[in-house]
Amino acid sequence: MLVAIVVLGIALSVAAVHFTGGSKMATLDSRDEALRRFAEDFPDEAITAVRLTADARTAFLDIGRGRVGIVHGIGDCFLTRIVAAADVAMSKADEANTILMRLTDFTWKGGRFRFANAADAQAMLNALGPRDTSSTEEAA
């Protein structure tokens, strides 16, 4: 009987979180929204281009001087970062229009990002300095 009560309690808790918006995933509706969100944390940065991923969960912003701004959805919130090529442990092309990026930042390690077109994916690889350190990591 106790097991049934615990299982029912957990199921109701999960359902309550889901139906009150707790399982919502943050997405960027437009390039303007990405600009606004990035400007909240970095108001003095001048942005020259915005590239959204195909799932609209991440935006990469060209901010010059070898740096890229990132707005990325985590849960129902966004995190923002400024990344330079030195902050990238690994970046490489994966599938069509997709890049893999691993950062040296311990708070967010990066991920796999699919763009709507190959030009955006290639521009990000160029900006972040394509590198593949997997052979170096395996040897260490």
N, C-alpha and C. Protein backbone atom coordinates (compact mmCIF):
# COMPACT_ATOMS: atom_id res chain seq x y z
N MET A 1 0.82 -1.19 0.00
CA MET A 1 0.00 0.00 0.00
C MET A 1 0.86 1.26 0.00
N LEU A 2 1.91 1.23 0.82
CA LEU A 2 2.81 2.38 0.91
C LEU A 2 3.51 2.64 -0.43
N VAL A 3 3.90 1.58 -1.12
CA VAL A 3 4.55 1.72 -2.43
C VAL A 3 3.61 2.40 -3.41
N ALA A 4 2.34 2.00 -3.41
CA ALA A 4 1.36 2.61 -4.32
C ALA A 4 1.18 4.09 -4.03
N ILE A 5 1.17 4.46 -2.76
CA ILE A 5 1.03 5.88 -2.39
C ILE A 5 2.24 6.68 -2.85
N VAL A 6 3.45 6.14 -2.66
CA VAL A 6 4.67 6.82 -3.09
C VAL A 6 4.69 6.98 -4.61
N VAL A 7 4.36 5.93 -5.34
CA VAL A 7 4.36 6.00 -6.81
C VAL A 7 3.33 7.02 -7.28
N LEU A 8 2.16 7.01 -6.71
CA LEU A 8 1.12 7.97 -7.08
C LEU A 8 1.57 9.40 -6.75
N GLY A 9 2.20 9.59 -5.61
CA GLY A 9 2.70 10.91 -5.23
C GLY A 9 3.74 11.43 -6.19
N ILE A 10 4.67 10.58 -6.59
CA ILE A 10 5.70 10.98 -7.56
C ILE A 10 5.07 11.30 -8.90
N ALA A 11 4.14 10.48 -9.35
CA ALA A 11 3.48 10.72 -10.64
C ALA A 11 2.72 12.04 -10.62
N LEU A 12 2.03 12.34 -9.54
CA LEU A 12 1.31 13.61 -9.44
C LEU A 12 2.27 14.80 -9.40
N SER A 13 3.40 14.65 -8.73
CA SER A 13 4.40 15.73 -8.68
C SER A 13 4.97 16.01 -10.06
N VAL A 14 5.29 14.97 -10.79
CA VAL A 14 5.83 15.14 -12.15
C VAL A 14 4.78 15.78 -13.05
N ALA A 15 3.55 15.34 -12.95
CA ALA A 15 2.47 15.92 -13.76
C ALA A 15 2.26 17.38 -13.42
N ALA A 16 2.31 17.74 -12.13
CA ALA A 16 2.14 19.14 -11.73
C ALA A 16 3.24 20.02 -12.28
N VAL A 17 4.48 19.55 -12.23
CA VAL A 17 5.60 20.32 -12.78
C VAL A 17 5.43 20.49 -14.29
N HIS A 18 5.06 19.44 -14.97
CA HIS A 18 4.90 19.51 -16.42
C HIS A 18 3.78 20.47 -16.82
N PHE A 19 2.64 20.37 -16.19
CA PHE A 19 1.49 21.18 -16.58
C PHE A 19 1.58 22.63 -16.13
N THR A 20 2.48 22.94 -15.21
CA THR A 20 2.68 24.34 -14.81
C THR A 20 3.84 24.97 -15.56
N GLY A 21 4.37 24.28 -16.58
CA GLY A 21 5.41 24.86 -17.43
C GLY A 21 6.82 24.49 -17.04
N GLY A 22 7.00 23.62 -16.09
CA GLY A 22 8.33 23.24 -15.63
C GLY A 22 9.16 22.46 -16.64
N SER A 23 8.51 21.83 -17.61
CA SER A 23 9.25 21.06 -18.61
C SER A 23 9.39 21.82 -19.93
N LYS A 24 9.04 23.11 -19.92
CA LYS A 24 9.13 23.92 -21.13
C LYS A 24 10.60 24.14 -21.51
N MET A 25 10.89 24.06 -22.79
CA MET A 25 12.24 24.31 -23.30
C MET A 25 12.29 25.71 -23.90
N ALA A 26 13.28 26.49 -23.50
CA ALA A 26 13.43 27.86 -23.99
C ALA A 26 13.89 27.84 -25.45
N THR A 27 13.21 28.61 -26.29
CA THR A 27 13.63 28.77 -27.68
C THR A 27 13.62 30.25 -28.02
N LEU A 28 14.40 30.59 -29.03
CA LEU A 28 14.50 31.97 -29.50
C LEU A 28 13.55 32.14 -30.68
N ASP A 29 12.61 33.07 -30.57
CA ASP A 29 11.63 33.26 -31.63
C ASP A 29 12.21 33.95 -32.85
N SER A 30 13.27 34.74 -32.66
CA SER A 30 13.83 35.49 -33.78
C SER A 30 15.26 35.92 -33.45
N ARG A 31 15.91 36.46 -34.47
CA ARG A 31 17.25 37.02 -34.26
C ARG A 31 17.19 38.21 -33.29
N ASP A 32 16.11 39.00 -33.39
CA ASP A 32 15.94 40.15 -32.50
C ASP A 32 15.85 39.71 -31.04
N GLU A 33 15.17 38.60 -30.77
CA GLU A 33 15.08 38.11 -29.40
C GLU A 33 16.46 37.70 -28.89
N ALA A 34 17.25 37.07 -29.75
CA ALA A 34 18.62 36.69 -29.37
C ALA A 34 19.45 37.94 -29.06
N LEU A 35 19.30 38.97 -29.88
CA LEU A 35 20.02 40.23 -29.64
C LEU A 35 19.61 40.85 -28.30
N ARG A 36 18.31 40.88 -28.03
CA ARG A 36 17.82 41.45 -26.77
C ARG A 36 18.33 40.66 -25.57
N ARG A 37 18.28 39.35 -25.67
CA ARG A 37 18.71 38.51 -24.54
C ARG A 37 20.20 38.68 -24.28
N PHE A 38 21.00 38.72 -25.34
CA PHE A 38 22.44 38.89 -25.19
C PHE A 38 22.76 40.27 -24.61
N ALA A 39 22.03 41.29 -25.05
CA ALA A 39 22.26 42.67 -24.59
C ALA A 39 21.95 42.83 -23.10
N GLU A 40 21.09 41.99 -22.55
CA GLU A 40 20.81 42.06 -21.11
C GLU A 40 22.07 41.80 -20.29
N ASP A 41 22.90 40.87 -20.74
CA ASP A 41 24.12 40.52 -20.01
C ASP A 41 25.36 41.25 -20.51
N PHE A 42 25.37 41.61 -21.78
CA PHE A 42 26.53 42.28 -22.38
C PHE A 42 26.08 43.49 -23.18
N PRO A 43 25.66 44.56 -22.52
CA PRO A 43 25.07 45.71 -23.22
C PRO A 43 26.05 46.50 -24.08
N ASP A 44 27.34 46.39 -23.83
CA ASP A 44 28.32 47.20 -24.55
C ASP A 44 28.89 46.53 -25.80
N GLU A 45 28.45 45.32 -26.10
CA GLU A 45 28.99 44.59 -27.25
C GLU A 45 28.23 44.96 -28.53
N ALA A 46 28.98 45.19 -29.59
CA ALA A 46 28.41 45.49 -30.91
C ALA A 46 28.33 44.18 -31.70
N ILE A 47 27.15 43.84 -32.14
CA ILE A 47 26.91 42.57 -32.84
C ILE A 47 26.78 42.84 -34.32
N THR A 48 27.53 42.08 -35.12
CA THR A 48 27.51 42.28 -36.57
C THR A 48 26.67 41.25 -37.31
N ALA A 49 26.47 40.06 -36.72
CA ALA A 49 25.65 39.02 -37.36
C ALA A 49 25.11 38.08 -36.30
N VAL A 50 23.94 37.50 -36.58
CA VAL A 50 23.31 36.53 -35.68
C VAL A 50 23.01 35.28 -36.49
N ARG A 51 23.40 34.13 -35.96
CA ARG A 51 23.12 32.85 -36.61
C ARG A 51 22.37 31.96 -35.64
N LEU A 52 21.14 31.61 -35.98
CA LEU A 52 20.32 30.74 -35.14
C LEU A 52 20.49 29.29 -35.58
N THR A 53 20.44 28.39 -34.61
CA THR A 53 20.45 26.97 -34.96
C THR A 53 19.06 26.59 -35.48
N ALA A 54 18.98 25.46 -36.15
CA ALA A 54 17.72 25.02 -36.76
C ALA A 54 16.63 24.80 -35.72
N ASP A 55 16.99 24.37 -34.51
CA ASP A 55 15.97 24.15 -33.47
C ASP A 55 15.66 25.40 -32.66
N ALA A 56 16.29 26.53 -32.99
CA ALA A 56 16.07 27.84 -32.35
C ALA A 56 16.38 27.83 -30.86
N ARG A 57 17.22 26.90 -30.41
CA ARG A 57 17.62 26.87 -29.00
C ARG A 57 18.93 27.60 -28.75
N THR A 58 19.69 27.90 -29.81
CA THR A 58 20.98 28.55 -29.65
C THR A 58 21.17 29.60 -30.73
N ALA A 59 21.77 30.71 -30.34
CA ALA A 59 22.15 31.75 -31.29
C ALA A 59 23.63 32.05 -31.10
N PHE A 60 24.33 32.18 -32.21
CA PHE A 60 25.74 32.57 -32.20
C PHE A 60 25.81 33.98 -32.78
N LEU A 61 26.48 34.88 -32.08
CA LEU A 61 26.53 36.29 -32.46
C LEU A 61 27.97 36.70 -32.72
N ASP A 62 28.23 37.25 -33.90
CA ASP A 62 29.56 37.76 -34.21
C ASP A 62 29.73 39.09 -33.49
N ILE A 63 30.75 39.18 -32.63
CA ILE A 63 30.97 40.41 -31.88
C ILE A 63 32.35 41.00 -32.13
N GLY A 64 33.10 40.43 -33.07
CA GLY A 64 34.38 41.00 -33.46
C GLY A 64 35.52 40.64 -32.52
N ARG A 65 36.69 41.06 -32.90
CA ARG A 65 37.94 40.83 -32.16
C ARG A 65 38.16 39.35 -31.83
N GLY A 66 37.75 38.47 -32.76
CA GLY A 66 37.96 37.04 -32.58
C GLY A 66 37.06 36.41 -31.53
N ARG A 67 35.93 37.03 -31.23
CA ARG A 67 35.03 36.52 -30.20
C ARG A 67 33.63 36.28 -30.77
N VAL A 68 32.94 35.34 -30.15
CA VAL A 68 31.57 34.99 -30.55
C VAL A 68 30.72 35.00 -29.29
N GLY A 69 29.55 35.64 -29.38
CA GLY A 69 28.58 35.59 -28.29
C GLY A 69 27.66 34.41 -28.50
N ILE A 70 27.25 33.79 -27.40
CA ILE A 70 26.35 32.64 -27.49
C ILE A 70 25.17 32.88 -26.56
N VAL A 71 23.97 32.62 -27.08
CA VAL A 71 22.75 32.58 -26.27
C VAL A 71 22.21 31.17 -26.44
N HIS A 72 22.12 30.41 -25.34
CA HIS A 72 21.73 29.00 -25.44
C HIS A 72 20.63 28.70 -24.42
N GLY A 73 19.58 28.03 -24.88
CA GLY A 73 18.48 27.65 -23.99
C GLY A 73 18.83 26.42 -23.18
N ILE A 74 18.66 26.56 -21.86
CA ILE A 74 18.83 25.43 -20.95
C ILE A 74 17.57 25.40 -20.09
N GLY A 75 16.78 24.34 -20.25
CA GLY A 75 15.49 24.30 -19.57
C GLY A 75 14.62 25.42 -20.10
N ASP A 76 14.05 26.22 -19.20
CA ASP A 76 13.21 27.33 -19.63
C ASP A 76 13.94 28.66 -19.52
N CYS A 77 15.26 28.63 -19.37
CA CYS A 77 16.08 29.85 -19.24
C CYS A 77 17.15 29.88 -20.33
N PHE A 78 17.82 31.01 -20.43
CA PHE A 78 18.92 31.16 -21.39
C PHE A 78 20.22 31.44 -20.65
N LEU A 79 21.30 30.88 -21.14
CA LEU A 79 22.61 31.28 -20.66
C LEU A 79 23.29 32.04 -21.78
N THR A 80 24.17 32.95 -21.41
CA THR A 80 24.91 33.73 -22.39
C THR A 80 26.39 33.60 -22.09
N ARG A 81 27.19 33.57 -23.14
CA ARG A 81 28.63 33.47 -23.02
C ARG A 81 29.29 34.29 -24.12
N ILE A 82 30.49 34.74 -23.85
CA ILE A 82 31.37 35.26 -24.89
C ILE A 82 32.53 34.28 -24.97
N VAL A 83 32.76 33.78 -26.17
CA VAL A 83 33.75 32.73 -26.39
C VAL A 83 34.76 33.20 -27.43
N ALA A 84 36.03 32.96 -27.15
CA ALA A 84 37.10 33.19 -28.12
C ALA A 84 37.65 31.83 -28.54
N ALA A 85 38.44 31.82 -29.60
CA ALA A 85 39.00 30.56 -30.08
C ALA A 85 39.79 29.85 -28.99
N ALA A 86 40.43 30.60 -28.10
CA ALA A 86 41.21 29.99 -27.01
C ALA A 86 40.32 29.25 -26.01
N ASP A 87 39.04 29.57 -25.95
CA ASP A 87 38.11 28.92 -25.03
C ASP A 87 37.55 27.62 -25.59
N VAL A 88 37.86 27.32 -26.83
CA VAL A 88 37.31 26.15 -27.50
C VAL A 88 38.33 25.02 -27.45
N ALA A 89 37.95 23.93 -26.80
CA ALA A 89 38.83 22.76 -26.73
C ALA A 89 38.76 21.94 -28.01
N MET A 90 37.55 21.91 -28.63
CA MET A 90 37.37 21.13 -29.85
C MET A 90 36.19 21.70 -30.62
N SER A 91 36.38 21.88 -31.91
CA SER A 91 35.26 22.22 -32.79
C SER A 91 35.52 21.57 -34.13
N LYS A 92 34.49 20.96 -34.67
CA LYS A 92 34.65 20.30 -35.97
C LYS A 92 33.28 20.12 -36.61
N ALA A 93 33.30 19.92 -37.90
CA ALA A 93 32.06 19.65 -38.63
C ALA A 93 31.63 18.22 -38.31
N ASP A 94 30.33 18.03 -38.19
CA ASP A 94 29.80 16.71 -37.91
C ASP A 94 29.04 16.25 -39.15
N GLU A 95 27.74 16.29 -39.12
CA GLU A 95 26.93 15.98 -40.28
C GLU A 95 26.72 17.26 -41.08
N ALA A 96 25.90 17.19 -42.12
CA ALA A 96 25.61 18.36 -42.93
C ALA A 96 25.03 19.47 -42.05
N ASN A 97 25.58 20.66 -42.18
CA ASN A 97 25.12 21.86 -41.47
C ASN A 97 25.27 21.77 -39.95
N THR A 98 26.10 20.87 -39.45
CA THR A 98 26.21 20.63 -38.02
C THR A 98 27.66 20.74 -37.57
N ILE A 99 27.84 21.38 -36.41
CA ILE A 99 29.17 21.44 -35.81
C ILE A 99 29.12 20.85 -34.40
N LEU A 100 30.23 20.29 -33.98
CA LEU A 100 30.42 19.86 -32.61
C LEU A 100 31.38 20.85 -31.97
N MET A 101 31.07 21.31 -30.78
CA MET A 101 31.93 22.28 -30.12
C MET A 101 32.05 21.90 -28.65
N ARG A 102 33.27 21.78 -28.17
CA ARG A 102 33.54 21.50 -26.76
C ARG A 102 34.32 22.68 -26.21
N LEU A 103 33.83 23.26 -25.10
CA LEU A 103 34.47 24.42 -24.49
C LEU A 103 35.30 24.02 -23.28
N THR A 104 36.24 24.88 -22.91
CA THR A 104 37.04 24.65 -21.71
C THR A 104 36.31 25.12 -20.46
N ASP A 105 35.20 25.81 -20.60
CA ASP A 105 34.39 26.32 -19.49
C ASP A 105 33.73 25.15 -18.76
N PHE A 106 33.97 25.03 -17.45
CA PHE A 106 33.42 23.90 -16.71
C PHE A 106 31.92 24.06 -16.44
N THR A 107 31.36 25.27 -16.59
CA THR A 107 29.94 25.47 -16.32
C THR A 107 29.05 25.10 -17.50
N TRP A 108 29.61 25.09 -18.70
CA TRP A 108 28.87 24.67 -19.89
C TRP A 108 29.89 24.15 -20.89
N LYS A 109 29.76 22.91 -21.26
CA LYS A 109 30.76 22.26 -22.10
C LYS A 109 30.52 22.41 -23.60
N GLY A 110 29.44 23.05 -24.03
CA GLY A 110 29.16 23.18 -25.46
C GLY A 110 28.17 22.14 -25.91
N GLY A 111 28.32 21.65 -27.13
CA GLY A 111 27.40 20.64 -27.63
C GLY A 111 27.44 20.48 -29.13
N ARG A 112 26.34 19.96 -29.66
CA ARG A 112 26.17 19.70 -31.09
C ARG A 112 25.12 20.68 -31.60
N PHE A 113 25.47 21.44 -32.64
CA PHE A 113 24.60 22.50 -33.12
C PHE A 113 24.35 22.35 -34.62
N ARG A 114 23.07 22.21 -34.98
CA ARG A 114 22.67 22.08 -36.39
C ARG A 114 22.10 23.41 -36.86
N PHE A 115 22.62 23.88 -37.98
CA PHE A 115 22.17 25.15 -38.57
C PHE A 115 21.28 24.86 -39.77
N ALA A 116 20.53 25.88 -40.19
CA ALA A 116 19.63 25.73 -41.33
C ALA A 116 20.40 25.60 -42.63
N ASN A 117 21.62 26.15 -42.68
CA ASN A 117 22.40 26.06 -43.92
C ASN A 117 23.89 25.86 -43.61
N ALA A 118 24.60 25.37 -44.60
CA ALA A 118 26.02 25.06 -44.44
C ALA A 118 26.86 26.31 -44.25
N ALA A 119 26.43 27.44 -44.81
CA ALA A 119 27.21 28.68 -44.69
C ALA A 119 27.32 29.12 -43.23
N ASP A 120 26.23 29.02 -42.47
CA ASP A 120 26.27 29.39 -41.05
C ASP A 120 27.17 28.45 -40.27
N ALA A 121 27.07 27.16 -40.54
CA ALA A 121 27.93 26.19 -39.84
C ALA A 121 29.40 26.46 -40.15
N GLN A 122 29.72 26.71 -41.40
CA GLN A 122 31.11 26.97 -41.77
C GLN A 122 31.61 28.29 -41.17
N ALA A 123 30.75 29.31 -41.13
CA ALA A 123 31.14 30.58 -40.53
C ALA A 123 31.49 30.39 -39.05
N MET A 124 30.75 29.55 -38.35
CA MET A 124 31.05 29.30 -36.94
C MET A 124 32.35 28.53 -36.78
N LEU A 125 32.59 27.57 -37.65
CA LEU A 125 33.87 26.85 -37.58
C LEU A 125 35.03 27.80 -37.84
N ASN A 126 34.86 28.70 -38.79
CA ASN A 126 35.91 29.67 -39.09
C ASN A 126 36.14 30.61 -37.91
N ALA A 127 35.06 31.07 -37.29
CA ALA A 127 35.17 32.01 -36.18
C ALA A 127 35.80 31.38 -34.94
N LEU A 128 35.48 30.12 -34.70
CA LEU A 128 35.96 29.46 -33.49
C LEU A 128 37.24 28.67 -33.70
N GLY A 129 37.76 28.67 -34.90
CA GLY A 129 39.01 27.96 -35.15
C GLY A 129 38.83 26.47 -35.09
N PRO A 130 38.51 25.83 -36.22
CA PRO A 130 38.28 24.38 -36.19
C PRO A 130 39.48 23.64 -35.64
N ARG A 131 39.22 22.78 -34.70
CA ARG A 131 40.28 21.97 -34.12
C ARG A 131 39.69 20.68 -33.61
N ASP A 132 40.45 19.64 -33.69
CA ASP A 132 40.02 18.34 -33.19
C ASP A 132 41.13 17.82 -32.31
N THR A 133 40.90 17.82 -31.00
CA THR A 133 41.93 17.40 -30.05
C THR A 133 41.70 15.98 -29.56
N SER A 134 40.81 15.23 -30.20
CA SER A 134 40.51 13.89 -29.71
C SER A 134 41.73 12.99 -29.75
N SER A 135 42.60 13.12 -30.76
CA SER A 135 43.77 12.28 -30.82
C SER A 135 44.77 12.64 -29.71
N THR A 136 44.83 13.93 -29.35
CA THR A 136 45.70 14.38 -28.27
C THR A 136 45.17 13.89 -26.93
N GLU A 137 43.85 13.94 -26.73
CA GLU A 137 43.25 13.52 -25.48
C GLU A 137 43.42 12.02 -25.27
N GLU A 138 43.33 11.24 -26.36
CA GLU A 138 43.48 9.80 -26.23
C GLU A 138 44.92 9.42 -25.87
N ALA A 139 45.87 10.19 -26.35
CA ALA A 139 47.28 9.89 -26.08
C ALA A 139 47.66 10.24 -24.65
N ALA A 140 46.96 11.20 -24.05
CA ALA A 140 47.32 11.67 -22.70
C ALA A 140 46.92 10.70 -21.61
